[in-house]
Amino acid sequence: MPIQEIPAVEFQLDNVIDAFEDTMKQVFDEDPKIFEGHSDRMSWHGQVTSAGVELREEINKLIEKYEVRLHQGEFA
């Protein structure tokens, strides 16, 4: 089982992604003027969710990379 699928690790990764998404959504709420002409609140939230999904995939790949390197003894 990959480490990122262990419940305790998965919970922490969920917290990171949630914090990222919440913070990015707050950016819109704090200064909606910077989004004028290219994003409204709903589209921004959709973009943030998509970015969160992709970020999670990339974090999982990075964890897997280091897990493999550990198993191969690269940090000895």
N, C-alpha and C. Protein backbone atom coordinates (compact mmCIF):
# COMPACT_ATOMS: atom_id res chain seq x y z
N MET A 1 0.85 -1.19 0.00
CA MET A 1 0.00 0.00 0.00
C MET A 1 0.89 1.24 0.00
N PRO A 2 0.65 2.14 -0.95
CA PRO A 2 1.42 3.39 -0.95
C PRO A 2 1.15 4.18 0.34
N ILE A 3 2.17 4.84 0.81
CA ILE A 3 2.06 5.56 2.08
C ILE A 3 0.94 6.60 2.06
N GLN A 4 0.70 7.22 0.90
CA GLN A 4 -0.33 8.25 0.85
C GLN A 4 -1.74 7.67 0.96
N GLU A 5 -1.86 6.34 0.92
CA GLU A 5 -3.17 5.70 1.11
C GLU A 5 -3.38 5.22 2.55
N ILE A 6 -2.37 5.37 3.40
CA ILE A 6 -2.53 5.06 4.82
C ILE A 6 -3.43 6.14 5.41
N PRO A 7 -4.46 5.75 6.15
CA PRO A 7 -5.45 6.73 6.61
C PRO A 7 -4.86 7.97 7.30
N ALA A 8 -3.89 7.82 8.16
CA ALA A 8 -3.33 8.98 8.86
C ALA A 8 -2.64 9.93 7.89
N VAL A 9 -1.94 9.40 6.90
CA VAL A 9 -1.27 10.24 5.90
C VAL A 9 -2.30 10.86 4.97
N GLU A 10 -3.26 10.07 4.55
CA GLU A 10 -4.32 10.57 3.67
C GLU A 10 -5.06 11.73 4.33
N PHE A 11 -5.32 11.61 5.63
CA PHE A 11 -5.99 12.67 6.39
C PHE A 11 -5.16 13.96 6.34
N GLN A 12 -3.85 13.84 6.54
CA GLN A 12 -2.99 15.02 6.51
C GLN A 12 -2.94 15.64 5.12
N LEU A 13 -2.88 14.81 4.09
CA LEU A 13 -2.89 15.33 2.72
C LEU A 13 -4.21 16.04 2.42
N ASP A 14 -5.31 15.48 2.90
CA ASP A 14 -6.61 16.14 2.74
C ASP A 14 -6.58 17.52 3.40
N ASN A 15 -5.96 17.61 4.57
CA ASN A 15 -5.86 18.90 5.27
C ASN A 15 -5.07 19.91 4.46
N VAL A 16 -3.98 19.48 3.84
CA VAL A 16 -3.17 20.37 3.01
C VAL A 16 -3.97 20.88 1.82
N ILE A 17 -4.65 19.97 1.14
CA ILE A 17 -5.44 20.37 -0.03
C ILE A 17 -6.58 21.28 0.38
N ASP A 18 -7.25 20.96 1.47
CA ASP A 18 -8.34 21.81 1.96
C ASP A 18 -7.83 23.21 2.29
N ALA A 19 -6.67 23.29 2.94
CA ALA A 19 -6.10 24.60 3.30
C ALA A 19 -5.75 25.39 2.03
N PHE A 20 -5.17 24.71 1.04
CA PHE A 20 -4.86 25.36 -0.23
C PHE A 20 -6.14 25.92 -0.86
N GLU A 21 -7.15 25.08 -0.99
CA GLU A 21 -8.39 25.50 -1.64
C GLU A 21 -9.07 26.63 -0.86
N ASP A 22 -9.14 26.50 0.45
CA ASP A 22 -9.77 27.55 1.27
C ASP A 22 -9.04 28.88 1.11
N THR A 23 -7.73 28.83 1.12
CA THR A 23 -6.93 30.05 0.99
C THR A 23 -7.14 30.69 -0.37
N MET A 24 -7.14 29.88 -1.42
CA MET A 24 -7.32 30.42 -2.77
C MET A 24 -8.72 31.00 -2.95
N LYS A 25 -9.71 30.40 -2.32
CA LYS A 25 -11.07 30.94 -2.39
C LYS A 25 -11.15 32.27 -1.65
N GLN A 26 -10.41 32.40 -0.55
CA GLN A 26 -10.39 33.65 0.21
C GLN A 26 -9.77 34.78 -0.60
N VAL A 27 -8.82 34.44 -1.47
CA VAL A 27 -8.21 35.45 -2.32
C VAL A 27 -9.29 36.19 -3.11
N PHE A 28 -10.23 35.44 -3.65
CA PHE A 28 -11.32 36.07 -4.40
C PHE A 28 -12.16 36.95 -3.48
N ASP A 29 -12.50 36.43 -2.31
CA ASP A 29 -13.35 37.18 -1.39
C ASP A 29 -12.68 38.46 -0.91
N GLU A 30 -11.36 38.43 -0.76
CA GLU A 30 -10.63 39.60 -0.26
C GLU A 30 -10.49 40.70 -1.31
N ASP A 31 -10.35 40.32 -2.57
CA ASP A 31 -10.16 41.32 -3.61
C ASP A 31 -10.75 40.86 -4.95
N PRO A 32 -12.08 40.86 -5.04
CA PRO A 32 -12.71 40.37 -6.26
C PRO A 32 -12.39 41.22 -7.50
N LYS A 33 -11.95 42.45 -7.28
CA LYS A 33 -11.65 43.33 -8.42
C LYS A 33 -10.53 42.78 -9.29
N ILE A 34 -9.58 42.05 -8.71
CA ILE A 34 -8.46 41.55 -9.51
C ILE A 34 -8.89 40.44 -10.48
N PHE A 35 -10.11 39.95 -10.31
CA PHE A 35 -10.63 38.89 -11.16
C PHE A 35 -11.57 39.40 -12.24
N GLU A 36 -11.87 40.69 -12.22
CA GLU A 36 -12.82 41.26 -13.17
C GLU A 36 -12.35 41.01 -14.59
N GLY A 37 -13.27 40.56 -15.42
CA GLY A 37 -12.97 40.32 -16.82
C GLY A 37 -12.50 38.93 -17.15
N HIS A 38 -12.17 38.13 -16.13
CA HIS A 38 -11.73 36.77 -16.45
C HIS A 38 -12.30 35.69 -15.53
N SER A 39 -12.76 36.04 -14.35
CA SER A 39 -13.36 35.03 -13.46
C SER A 39 -14.39 35.68 -12.57
N ASP A 40 -15.53 35.01 -12.44
CA ASP A 40 -16.46 35.41 -11.39
C ASP A 40 -16.26 34.43 -10.22
N ARG A 41 -17.00 34.64 -9.16
CA ARG A 41 -16.80 33.82 -7.96
C ARG A 41 -17.00 32.33 -8.25
N MET A 42 -18.05 31.99 -8.98
CA MET A 42 -18.35 30.58 -9.25
C MET A 42 -17.25 29.94 -10.11
N SER A 43 -16.82 30.64 -11.15
CA SER A 43 -15.79 30.05 -12.01
C SER A 43 -14.47 29.94 -11.26
N TRP A 44 -14.18 30.92 -10.40
CA TRP A 44 -12.95 30.86 -9.61
C TRP A 44 -12.98 29.65 -8.68
N HIS A 45 -14.09 29.42 -8.02
CA HIS A 45 -14.20 28.26 -7.13
C HIS A 45 -14.03 26.95 -7.91
N GLY A 46 -14.57 26.90 -9.11
CA GLY A 46 -14.38 25.71 -9.94
C GLY A 46 -12.92 25.51 -10.32
N GLN A 47 -12.26 26.61 -10.65
CA GLN A 47 -10.83 26.54 -10.98
C GLN A 47 -10.01 26.10 -9.77
N VAL A 48 -10.35 26.62 -8.62
CA VAL A 48 -9.64 26.25 -7.39
C VAL A 48 -9.81 24.76 -7.11
N THR A 49 -11.01 24.25 -7.29
CA THR A 49 -11.25 22.82 -7.07
C THR A 49 -10.43 21.98 -8.04
N SER A 50 -10.41 22.39 -9.30
CA SER A 50 -9.61 21.66 -10.29
C SER A 50 -8.13 21.70 -9.94
N ALA A 51 -7.67 22.85 -9.50
CA ALA A 51 -6.26 22.98 -9.11
C ALA A 51 -5.97 22.10 -7.90
N GLY A 52 -6.91 22.01 -6.96
CA GLY A 52 -6.73 21.16 -5.79
C GLY A 52 -6.62 19.69 -6.16
N VAL A 53 -7.42 19.25 -7.11
CA VAL A 53 -7.35 17.87 -7.59
C VAL A 53 -5.99 17.60 -8.21
N GLU A 54 -5.55 18.51 -9.06
CA GLU A 54 -4.25 18.33 -9.72
C GLU A 54 -3.10 18.40 -8.71
N LEU A 55 -3.21 19.30 -7.74
CA LEU A 55 -2.18 19.39 -6.70
C LEU A 55 -2.08 18.08 -5.93
N ARG A 56 -3.21 17.50 -5.59
CA ARG A 56 -3.23 16.22 -4.88
C ARG A 56 -2.54 15.13 -5.70
N GLU A 57 -2.82 15.09 -6.99
CA GLU A 57 -2.19 14.10 -7.86
C GLU A 57 -0.67 14.29 -7.88
N GLU A 58 -0.23 15.54 -7.97
CA GLU A 58 1.21 15.82 -8.01
C GLU A 58 1.88 15.49 -6.68
N ILE A 59 1.22 15.79 -5.57
CA ILE A 59 1.77 15.46 -4.26
C ILE A 59 1.89 13.94 -4.13
N ASN A 60 0.88 13.22 -4.57
CA ASN A 60 0.93 11.75 -4.52
C ASN A 60 2.11 11.22 -5.33
N LYS A 61 2.33 11.78 -6.51
CA LYS A 61 3.47 11.36 -7.34
C LYS A 61 4.80 11.66 -6.64
N LEU A 62 4.89 12.80 -6.01
CA LEU A 62 6.11 13.18 -5.31
C LEU A 62 6.37 12.26 -4.12
N ILE A 63 5.33 11.96 -3.37
CA ILE A 63 5.48 11.03 -2.25
C ILE A 63 5.94 9.67 -2.76
N GLU A 64 5.31 9.20 -3.83
CA GLU A 64 5.68 7.91 -4.39
C GLU A 64 7.15 7.90 -4.83
N LYS A 65 7.59 8.98 -5.43
CA LYS A 65 8.98 9.10 -5.88
C LYS A 65 9.94 8.93 -4.69
N TYR A 66 9.66 9.62 -3.60
CA TYR A 66 10.55 9.54 -2.44
C TYR A 66 10.42 8.21 -1.71
N GLU A 67 9.24 7.63 -1.74
CA GLU A 67 9.06 6.31 -1.14
C GLU A 67 9.89 5.27 -1.89
N VAL A 68 9.88 5.35 -3.20
CA VAL A 68 10.69 4.42 -4.01
C VAL A 68 12.17 4.64 -3.72
N ARG A 69 12.59 5.89 -3.69
CA ARG A 69 14.00 6.18 -3.42
C ARG A 69 14.41 5.66 -2.04
N LEU A 70 13.52 5.78 -1.06
CA LEU A 70 13.83 5.24 0.27
C LEU A 70 14.00 3.74 0.22
N HIS A 71 13.09 3.05 -0.47
CA HIS A 71 13.17 1.60 -0.57
C HIS A 71 14.40 1.14 -1.34
N GLN A 72 14.91 2.00 -2.21
CA GLN A 72 16.12 1.67 -2.97
C GLN A 72 17.40 2.02 -2.22
N GLY A 73 17.25 2.56 -1.01
CA GLY A 73 18.42 2.86 -0.19
C GLY A 73 19.16 4.13 -0.57
N GLU A 74 18.53 5.03 -1.28
CA GLU A 74 19.20 6.24 -1.73
C GLU A 74 19.53 7.22 -0.61
N PHE A 75 18.98 7.05 0.55
CA PHE A 75 19.21 8.00 1.63
C PHE A 75 20.08 7.41 2.73
N ALA A 76 20.74 6.29 2.43
CA ALA A 76 21.57 5.63 3.43
C ALA A 76 22.90 6.35 3.59
